[in-house]
Amino acid sequence: MRARFLLLLGLITVSPSLAFAQMKLPSKTAPGATETRYFTAIDGLMDGNADVILKETRQGKNVTAATLDVCYPATKGADRKDRFVANLTVSGQNLTGTTQSLGDKLPVSVKLVRKPVGDTFEFRGQISIGQTVTEVTSTDNSDLSEKEFLDNQTSDDGITPAPKDFTDVSPETIGVRVKLDAALDFLKSLKGEAVEVGLSSLSISCDALRAGEQTINLTADPERAAALIAKAKSMPGVVAAGWTSGSVEMDRTIRFAAADWRDGDKINREKIASAISGVLAKTLAAKAAGAEWDANTGKLTLSFKRPSPIYPALALTETVEVTALVSPDKPGATDRLMLWISSPVITTADEGAGPKLNLSEESTGDEEGGEPKDDNGSLEALAKEFKGQRWDADRSVWK
């Protein structure tokens, strides 16, 4: 049963009359045996945004030690987290302790009364962080065994240092797990590099604070990704680096022989862009309007223009934008390339001469399952042009 915390701001002193000589708990192990139990579902602290772990060491029915680990927003509504870990003194039903928050170095005081109620537990008291005092009234708290707790803590950051191919990970997306005290220097080392850093990965989660490690997400040209990963692995504090999931979706990807599309050991981007543009101009019934390779990510953005069918007499223009990514089909030496094509994104505007009709429209792309309605057989046409294979999702093989 999940806990319920009622929080009020103010100062209320925990009554010493609730203390007893030793805290008694329902017996869950053999008499005299030492056991570790956890509370991980104490909700409500910091407007329900705190991540709480209360660890207890019990000998038989008695609590002999307790540690309270609380991770919370450093300021209300902020992404930045702070955390404190307080070793609590057990005196009867009283749990008390002081410490300092790890980030902002604020003084922390914990005064809780913990009372067993049948098979659950009740907490009342105060937690003070700096000048902020939080009143705690929590009932119906259930605990976990150490095995249950550890099972719930397992996580996978998705980093694959040596994938067999790029069917489960994306060739342009890199994950780097780095120790927190080395993360800043690692990020500074990326300044001026042709690489994009995922903004959301800069926020340090509670799991990262507890693990002491942060995963930074990067996007780079697939032809440079392996070198970037090797460089990251050599840097101080980096625990792991490799490919991870990204923009490439296998149902919009084809694989084809590389020989005709390389210039030496480099991908012939001009030839590939011209071939893709020619195919899409036919399938989308549009004129090619531009092709641009992103120097950081290696992605190709193609644009096309065609008359809008919405109100023909107005002679409005549709701009169709498609993103593509070309890469080897696996790390290392290979005689195959992969081509991923995004769903088309269509905007409509008045591009005629003279005064313009201002239109209000959100860019749209059909992200639902199946072929996008504006794709018009583009993937099949590209597979034919490149003499390529499509991905069979049911069998997880190229077909």
Protein backbone atom coordinates (compact mmCIF):
# COMPACT_ATOMS: atom_id res chain seq x y z
CA MET A 1 0.00 0.00 0.00
CA ARG A 2 1.47 3.32 -0.99
CA ALA A 3 2.14 5.93 1.61
CA ARG A 4 0.24 9.15 1.99
CA PHE A 5 1.97 12.32 3.20
CA LEU A 6 0.03 15.40 4.28
CA LEU A 7 2.37 18.35 4.20
CA LEU A 8 1.97 21.68 5.91
CA LEU A 9 4.53 24.40 6.43
CA GLY A 10 5.16 25.49 9.98
CA LEU A 11 6.90 24.49 13.17
CA ILE A 12 5.48 21.72 15.32
CA THR A 13 7.60 19.98 17.94
CA VAL A 14 7.58 16.20 17.96
CA SER A 15 6.26 15.07 21.35
CA PRO A 16 8.88 13.21 23.41
CA SER A 17 6.07 11.40 25.21
CA LEU A 18 5.78 9.08 22.18
CA ALA A 19 9.23 7.64 22.78
CA PHE A 20 9.77 4.22 24.27
CA ALA A 21 12.87 2.30 25.28
CA GLN A 22 13.11 0.44 21.95
CA MET A 23 11.08 0.53 18.75
CA LYS A 24 9.05 -2.68 18.33
CA LEU A 25 8.07 -3.86 14.88
CA PRO A 26 6.04 -6.76 13.56
CA SER A 27 8.27 -9.79 13.30
CA LYS A 28 9.07 -10.79 9.72
CA THR A 29 12.21 -12.82 10.30
CA ALA A 30 13.46 -15.38 12.78
CA PRO A 31 13.99 -14.00 16.31
CA GLY A 32 17.38 -12.33 16.63
CA ALA A 33 18.11 -12.37 12.88
CA THR A 34 19.46 -9.20 11.26
CA GLU A 35 17.48 -7.87 8.27
CA THR A 36 17.48 -4.76 6.08
CA ARG A 37 14.13 -3.24 5.09
CA TYR A 38 13.28 -0.27 2.88
CA PHE A 39 10.51 2.29 2.45
CA THR A 40 10.42 3.73 -1.09
CA ALA A 41 6.84 4.95 -1.45
CA ILE A 42 6.62 7.77 1.06
CA ASP A 43 4.82 10.34 -1.04
CA GLY A 44 4.15 14.00 -0.48
CA LEU A 45 7.45 15.58 0.47
CA MET A 46 8.24 18.76 -1.46
CA ASP A 47 4.73 18.89 -2.97
CA GLY A 48 4.99 15.23 -3.91
CA ASN A 49 8.18 15.74 -5.92
CA ALA A 50 10.64 14.17 -3.47
CA ASP A 51 12.20 10.76 -4.07
CA VAL A 52 12.54 9.10 -0.66
CA ILE A 53 14.38 6.00 0.53
CA LEU A 54 14.29 5.08 4.21
CA LYS A 55 16.63 2.19 5.00
CA GLU A 56 16.34 0.32 8.27
CA THR A 57 18.49 -2.34 9.86
CA ARG A 58 16.49 -4.60 12.12
CA GLN A 59 17.51 -7.28 14.57
CA GLY A 60 14.52 -9.47 15.10
CA LYS A 61 11.68 -7.09 15.95
CA ASN A 62 13.88 -4.14 16.78
CA VAL A 63 15.24 -1.32 14.60
CA THR A 64 18.94 -0.83 15.29
CA ALA A 65 19.84 1.75 12.62
CA ALA A 66 18.12 3.90 9.99
CA THR A 67 19.19 6.12 7.09
CA LEU A 68 16.95 8.61 5.29
CA ASP A 69 17.88 9.48 1.69
CA VAL A 70 15.78 12.26 0.14
CA CYS A 71 16.24 13.71 -3.36
CA TYR A 72 14.13 16.76 -4.21
CA PRO A 73 13.90 19.84 -6.50
CA ALA A 74 16.50 22.38 -5.38
CA THR A 75 13.88 25.10 -5.86
CA LYS A 76 10.16 24.72 -6.44
CA GLY A 77 9.43 23.72 -10.03
CA ALA A 78 13.12 23.45 -10.96
CA ASP A 79 14.71 20.57 -12.86
CA ARG A 80 17.86 20.80 -10.75
CA LYS A 81 17.87 18.32 -7.89
CA ASP A 82 19.45 18.41 -4.44
CA ARG A 83 19.77 15.54 -2.00
CA PHE A 84 20.54 14.75 1.60
CA VAL A 85 21.43 11.52 3.35
CA ALA A 86 20.90 11.50 7.10
CA ASN A 87 21.98 8.72 9.45
CA LEU A 88 19.23 8.66 12.04
CA THR A 89 19.47 7.95 15.74
CA VAL A 90 16.88 5.41 16.92
CA SER A 91 15.46 6.11 20.36
CA GLY A 92 12.26 4.29 21.01
CA GLN A 93 9.86 5.40 18.29
CA ASN A 94 11.88 8.55 17.60
CA LEU A 95 14.08 8.85 14.52
CA THR A 96 16.29 11.95 14.63
CA GLY A 97 19.31 13.23 12.79
CA THR A 98 21.07 16.18 11.22
CA THR A 99 23.13 16.54 8.09
CA GLN A 100 23.79 18.90 5.18
CA SER A 101 22.34 18.82 1.68
CA LEU A 102 24.91 17.62 -0.82
CA GLY A 103 24.35 20.30 -3.47
CA ASP A 104 23.40 23.59 -1.82
CA LYS A 105 25.03 22.71 1.53
CA LEU A 106 21.90 23.63 3.50
CA PRO A 107 21.49 22.39 7.08
CA VAL A 108 19.02 19.52 7.40
CA SER A 109 17.19 18.35 10.52
CA VAL A 110 14.98 15.27 10.76
CA LYS A 111 12.61 14.58 13.65
CA LEU A 112 10.20 11.72 13.03
CA VAL A 113 8.06 9.47 15.19
CA ARG A 114 7.55 6.08 13.61
CA LYS A 115 4.79 3.84 14.82
CA PRO A 116 3.86 0.32 13.65
CA VAL A 117 0.15 -0.07 12.96
CA GLY A 118 -0.65 -3.68 12.16
CA ASP A 119 1.37 -4.60 9.07
CA THR A 120 1.99 -0.98 8.09
CA PHE A 121 3.74 2.01 9.63
CA GLU A 122 2.92 5.61 10.42
CA PHE A 123 5.30 8.61 10.36
CA ARG A 124 4.76 11.98 11.98
CA GLY A 125 7.13 14.86 12.58
CA GLN A 126 9.27 17.39 10.74
CA ILE A 127 11.95 17.63 8.07
CA SER A 128 13.75 20.98 7.90
CA ILE A 129 15.98 22.01 4.99
CA GLY A 130 17.52 25.42 5.45
CA GLN A 131 14.66 27.74 6.46
CA THR A 132 11.95 25.47 5.07
CA VAL A 133 10.15 23.25 7.58
CA THR A 134 7.90 20.48 6.26
CA GLU A 135 5.30 18.88 8.50
CA VAL A 136 5.01 15.14 7.97
CA THR A 137 1.85 13.15 8.57
CA SER A 138 2.07 9.82 6.78
CA THR A 139 0.05 6.64 7.28
CA ASP A 140 -0.23 3.19 5.69
CA ASN A 141 3.43 2.84 4.77
CA SER A 142 4.58 -0.60 3.61
CA ASP A 143 8.20 -1.74 3.46
CA LEU A 144 10.31 -3.89 1.13
CA SER A 145 12.90 -6.57 1.68
CA GLU A 146 16.43 -5.87 0.47
CA LYS A 147 15.94 -8.22 -2.49
CA GLU A 148 12.71 -6.48 -3.49
CA PHE A 149 14.41 -3.10 -3.17
CA LEU A 150 17.42 -4.08 -5.27
CA ASP A 151 15.21 -5.64 -7.94
CA ASN A 152 13.36 -2.33 -8.26
CA GLN A 153 16.62 -0.36 -8.56
CA THR A 154 17.92 -2.08 -11.68
CA SER A 155 18.05 0.24 -14.68
CA ASP A 156 19.47 0.16 -18.21
CA ASP A 157 20.81 3.31 -19.83
CA GLY A 158 20.71 1.61 -23.23
CA ILE A 159 24.42 2.14 -23.96
CA THR A 160 25.83 -0.58 -26.23
CA PRO A 161 29.63 -0.25 -26.61
CA ALA A 162 29.93 -2.86 -29.39
CA PRO A 163 26.61 -3.53 -31.17
CA LYS A 164 26.60 -6.24 -33.82
CA ASP A 165 24.72 -3.86 -36.13
CA PHE A 166 22.46 -0.79 -36.13
CA THR A 167 19.11 -2.56 -35.89
CA ASP A 168 18.68 -2.07 -32.12
CA VAL A 169 20.71 1.12 -31.69
CA SER A 170 20.91 4.22 -33.86
CA PRO A 171 24.14 4.98 -35.80
CA GLU A 172 24.11 8.69 -34.97
CA THR A 173 23.18 8.54 -31.27
CA ILE A 174 25.79 8.11 -28.55
CA GLY A 175 25.43 7.66 -24.80
CA VAL A 176 28.29 8.49 -22.43
CA ARG A 177 28.03 7.57 -18.75
CA VAL A 178 30.39 9.71 -16.71
CA LYS A 179 31.01 10.27 -13.01
CA LEU A 180 29.32 13.41 -11.73
CA ASP A 181 32.53 15.07 -10.61
CA ALA A 182 33.97 14.63 -14.12
CA ALA A 183 30.84 15.52 -16.10
CA LEU A 184 31.57 19.25 -16.37
CA ASP A 185 35.06 18.73 -17.78
CA PHE A 186 33.70 16.16 -20.24
CA LEU A 187 31.01 18.59 -21.44
CA LYS A 188 33.54 21.41 -21.77
CA SER A 189 35.67 19.14 -23.95
CA LEU A 190 32.79 18.99 -26.45
CA LYS A 191 32.81 22.75 -27.05
CA GLY A 192 33.71 23.43 -30.66
CA GLU A 193 33.15 19.78 -31.62
CA ALA A 194 30.82 18.86 -34.49
CA VAL A 195 28.37 17.14 -32.14
CA GLU A 196 25.02 17.95 -30.53
CA VAL A 197 24.41 17.45 -26.80
CA GLY A 198 20.93 16.41 -25.71
CA LEU A 199 19.69 19.23 -23.49
CA SER A 200 17.46 16.95 -21.39
CA SER A 201 20.45 14.75 -20.53
CA LEU A 202 22.09 17.68 -18.74
CA SER A 203 19.48 17.46 -15.96
CA ILE A 204 20.82 15.25 -13.19
CA SER A 205 18.15 12.83 -12.01
CA CYS A 206 17.78 11.40 -8.52
CA ASP A 207 19.02 8.04 -9.80
CA ALA A 208 22.11 9.77 -11.19
CA LEU A 209 22.75 11.59 -7.90
CA ARG A 210 22.56 8.32 -6.00
CA ALA A 211 24.69 6.43 -8.50
CA GLY A 212 27.22 9.24 -8.75
CA GLU A 213 27.07 8.91 -12.54
CA GLN A 214 25.26 10.81 -15.30
CA THR A 215 24.44 9.69 -18.84
CA ILE A 216 25.03 12.35 -21.50
CA ASN A 217 23.28 11.86 -24.87
CA LEU A 218 25.09 12.99 -28.01
CA THR A 219 24.21 13.09 -31.70
CA ALA A 220 27.02 12.94 -34.26
CA ASP A 221 27.63 12.13 -37.90
CA PRO A 222 27.65 8.30 -38.10
CA GLU A 223 30.99 8.44 -39.93
CA ARG A 224 32.53 10.12 -36.86
CA ALA A 225 30.60 8.28 -34.15
CA ALA A 226 33.09 5.46 -33.59
CA ALA A 227 36.00 7.90 -33.19
CA LEU A 228 33.97 10.05 -30.81
CA ILE A 229 33.09 7.01 -28.69
CA ALA A 230 36.75 5.95 -28.57
CA LYS A 231 37.75 9.47 -27.50
CA ALA A 232 35.05 9.55 -24.81
CA LYS A 233 36.21 6.22 -23.38
CA SER A 234 39.70 7.64 -22.89
CA MET A 235 38.54 10.65 -20.90
CA PRO A 236 38.77 10.84 -17.08
CA GLY A 237 35.64 9.78 -15.24
CA VAL A 238 33.94 8.12 -18.22
CA VAL A 239 32.48 4.79 -17.13
CA ALA A 240 30.89 3.68 -20.42
CA ALA A 241 30.39 4.99 -23.94
CA GLY A 242 28.61 3.51 -26.93
CA TRP A 243 25.66 3.71 -29.26
CA THR A 244 22.08 3.96 -28.03
CA SER A 245 18.57 4.44 -29.42
CA GLY A 246 17.88 7.48 -31.59
CA SER A 247 15.87 8.70 -34.56
CA VAL A 248 16.31 5.69 -36.85
CA GLU A 249 13.18 3.55 -37.11
CA MET A 250 13.71 0.21 -38.81
CA ASP A 251 10.36 0.25 -40.60
CA ARG A 252 11.53 3.37 -42.48
CA THR A 253 15.01 2.05 -43.26
CA ILE A 254 16.52 0.24 -46.22
CA ARG A 255 19.88 -1.55 -46.50
CA PHE A 256 21.87 -1.68 -49.73
CA ALA A 257 25.30 -2.52 -51.15
CA ALA A 258 27.82 0.27 -50.48
CA ALA A 259 30.10 -0.17 -53.49
CA ASP A 260 28.25 2.16 -55.88
CA TRP A 261 27.67 4.85 -53.25
CA ARG A 262 31.14 5.40 -51.87
CA ASP A 263 33.99 7.60 -52.98
CA GLY A 264 37.00 5.75 -51.61
CA ASP A 265 36.20 5.04 -47.95
CA LYS A 266 33.74 7.94 -47.66
CA ILE A 267 30.04 7.97 -48.46
CA ASN A 268 29.37 9.89 -51.68
CA ARG A 269 26.86 12.29 -50.21
CA GLU A 270 26.27 14.29 -53.37
CA LYS A 271 25.35 11.15 -55.32
CA ILE A 272 23.10 9.84 -52.56
CA ALA A 273 21.34 13.18 -52.07
CA SER A 274 20.73 13.43 -55.81
CA ALA A 275 19.30 9.90 -55.96
CA ILE A 276 17.00 10.38 -52.96
CA SER A 277 15.83 13.77 -54.26
CA GLY A 278 15.04 12.33 -57.68
CA VAL A 279 12.99 9.47 -56.25
CA LEU A 280 11.06 11.64 -53.78
CA ALA A 281 10.31 14.31 -56.38
CA LYS A 282 8.44 11.63 -58.35
CA THR A 283 6.65 9.90 -55.44
CA LEU A 284 5.68 13.18 -53.76
CA ALA A 285 4.74 14.81 -57.09
CA ALA A 286 6.84 17.83 -56.18
CA LYS A 287 9.86 19.80 -57.36
CA ALA A 288 13.13 19.54 -55.44
CA ALA A 289 13.76 22.82 -53.60
CA GLY A 290 16.84 22.18 -51.51
CA ALA A 291 19.22 19.67 -49.95
CA GLU A 292 21.37 20.36 -46.91
CA TRP A 293 23.64 18.10 -44.86
CA ASP A 294 23.94 18.88 -41.14
CA ALA A 295 27.62 19.14 -40.21
CA ASN A 296 26.97 18.00 -36.64
CA THR A 297 24.56 15.11 -37.06
CA GLY A 298 25.22 13.99 -40.63
CA LYS A 299 21.51 14.20 -41.41
CA LEU A 300 20.26 15.31 -44.82
CA THR A 301 17.28 17.64 -45.03
CA LEU A 302 15.47 17.66 -48.37
CA SER A 303 12.71 20.08 -49.28
CA PHE A 304 10.18 19.93 -52.11
CA LYS A 305 7.44 22.23 -53.34
CA ARG A 306 4.12 21.46 -54.98
CA PRO A 307 0.74 23.17 -55.51
CA SER A 308 -1.60 22.86 -52.55
CA PRO A 309 -4.89 21.11 -53.29
CA ILE A 310 -6.70 22.82 -50.40
CA TYR A 311 -8.08 25.77 -52.40
CA PRO A 312 -6.69 25.60 -55.95
CA ALA A 313 -7.87 29.07 -56.99
CA LEU A 314 -5.62 30.63 -54.33
CA ALA A 315 -2.53 28.93 -55.84
CA LEU A 316 -1.08 28.12 -52.43
CA THR A 317 2.19 26.19 -52.15
CA GLU A 318 2.95 23.11 -50.06
CA THR A 319 6.52 22.63 -48.83
CA VAL A 320 7.34 19.01 -48.07
CA GLU A 321 10.37 18.41 -45.85
CA VAL A 322 12.02 15.03 -45.38
CA THR A 323 15.03 14.13 -43.22
CA ALA A 324 17.38 11.31 -44.19
CA LEU A 325 20.34 9.60 -42.55
CA VAL A 326 22.89 7.44 -44.35
CA SER A 327 25.31 5.27 -42.40
CA PRO A 328 27.13 1.94 -42.44
CA ASP A 329 24.81 -0.87 -41.35
CA LYS A 330 27.12 -1.78 -38.46
CA PRO A 331 30.24 -0.48 -36.70
CA GLY A 332 33.58 -1.23 -38.31
CA ALA A 333 34.24 -2.56 -41.79
CA THR A 334 31.12 -3.37 -43.82
CA ASP A 335 30.06 -3.54 -47.45
CA ARG A 336 26.50 -2.34 -46.69
CA LEU A 337 24.92 1.03 -46.04
CA MET A 338 21.62 1.96 -44.36
CA LEU A 339 19.25 4.73 -45.41
CA TRP A 340 16.60 6.03 -43.03
CA ILE A 341 13.89 8.42 -44.24
CA SER A 342 11.59 10.39 -41.94
CA SER A 343 7.88 10.83 -42.49
CA PRO A 344 7.18 13.91 -44.61
CA VAL A 345 6.41 17.17 -42.81
CA ILE A 346 4.15 19.47 -44.81
CA THR A 347 3.54 23.21 -44.47
CA THR A 348 1.36 25.43 -46.64
CA ALA A 349 2.00 29.07 -47.51
CA ASP A 350 1.08 31.75 -50.00
CA GLU A 351 4.23 32.18 -52.10
CA GLY A 352 2.60 34.02 -55.00
CA ALA A 353 3.52 37.50 -56.21
CA GLY A 354 2.12 40.56 -54.49
CA PRO A 355 0.39 40.72 -51.08
CA LYS A 356 0.38 37.38 -49.21
CA LEU A 357 -2.42 35.53 -47.53
CA ASN A 358 -1.22 34.80 -43.99
CA LEU A 359 -2.07 31.23 -43.02
CA SER A 360 -2.16 29.68 -39.56
CA GLU A 361 -0.98 26.11 -39.63
CA GLU A 362 1.04 23.70 -37.52
CA SER A 363 3.60 21.54 -39.24
CA THR A 364 2.23 18.02 -39.57
CA GLY A 365 3.78 14.62 -40.05
CA ASP A 366 1.84 11.38 -39.97
CA GLU A 367 3.50 9.56 -37.08
CA GLU A 368 0.85 6.86 -36.79
CA GLY A 369 1.50 3.26 -37.69
CA GLY A 370 1.60 2.17 -41.33
CA GLU A 371 2.52 4.20 -44.36
CA PRO A 372 2.10 7.97 -43.89
CA LYS A 373 -0.67 9.27 -46.11
CA ASP A 374 1.73 11.60 -47.97
CA ASP A 375 4.50 8.99 -48.44
CA ASN A 376 3.07 7.76 -51.75
CA GLY A 377 5.23 4.65 -51.89
CA SER A 378 8.49 6.52 -51.30
CA LEU A 379 10.14 3.76 -49.27
CA GLU A 380 9.42 1.11 -51.88
CA ALA A 381 10.67 3.41 -54.64
CA LEU A 382 13.88 4.14 -52.72
CA ALA A 383 14.44 0.45 -52.07
CA LYS A 384 14.14 -0.16 -55.82
CA GLU A 385 16.45 2.74 -56.70
CA PHE A 386 19.15 1.57 -54.28
CA LYS A 387 18.51 -2.14 -54.94
CA GLY A 388 17.98 -2.41 -51.19
CA GLN A 389 16.25 -4.51 -48.57
CA ARG A 390 13.45 -3.55 -46.19
CA TRP A 391 13.29 -4.64 -42.53
CA ASP A 392 11.00 -7.52 -41.58
CA ALA A 393 9.83 -6.59 -38.08
CA ASP A 394 8.05 -9.92 -37.51
CA ARG A 395 11.20 -11.97 -38.13
CA SER A 396 13.74 -9.29 -37.17
CA VAL A 397 15.71 -9.80 -40.39
CA TRP A 398 16.35 -7.93 -43.64
CA LYS A 399 14.09 -9.12 -46.44
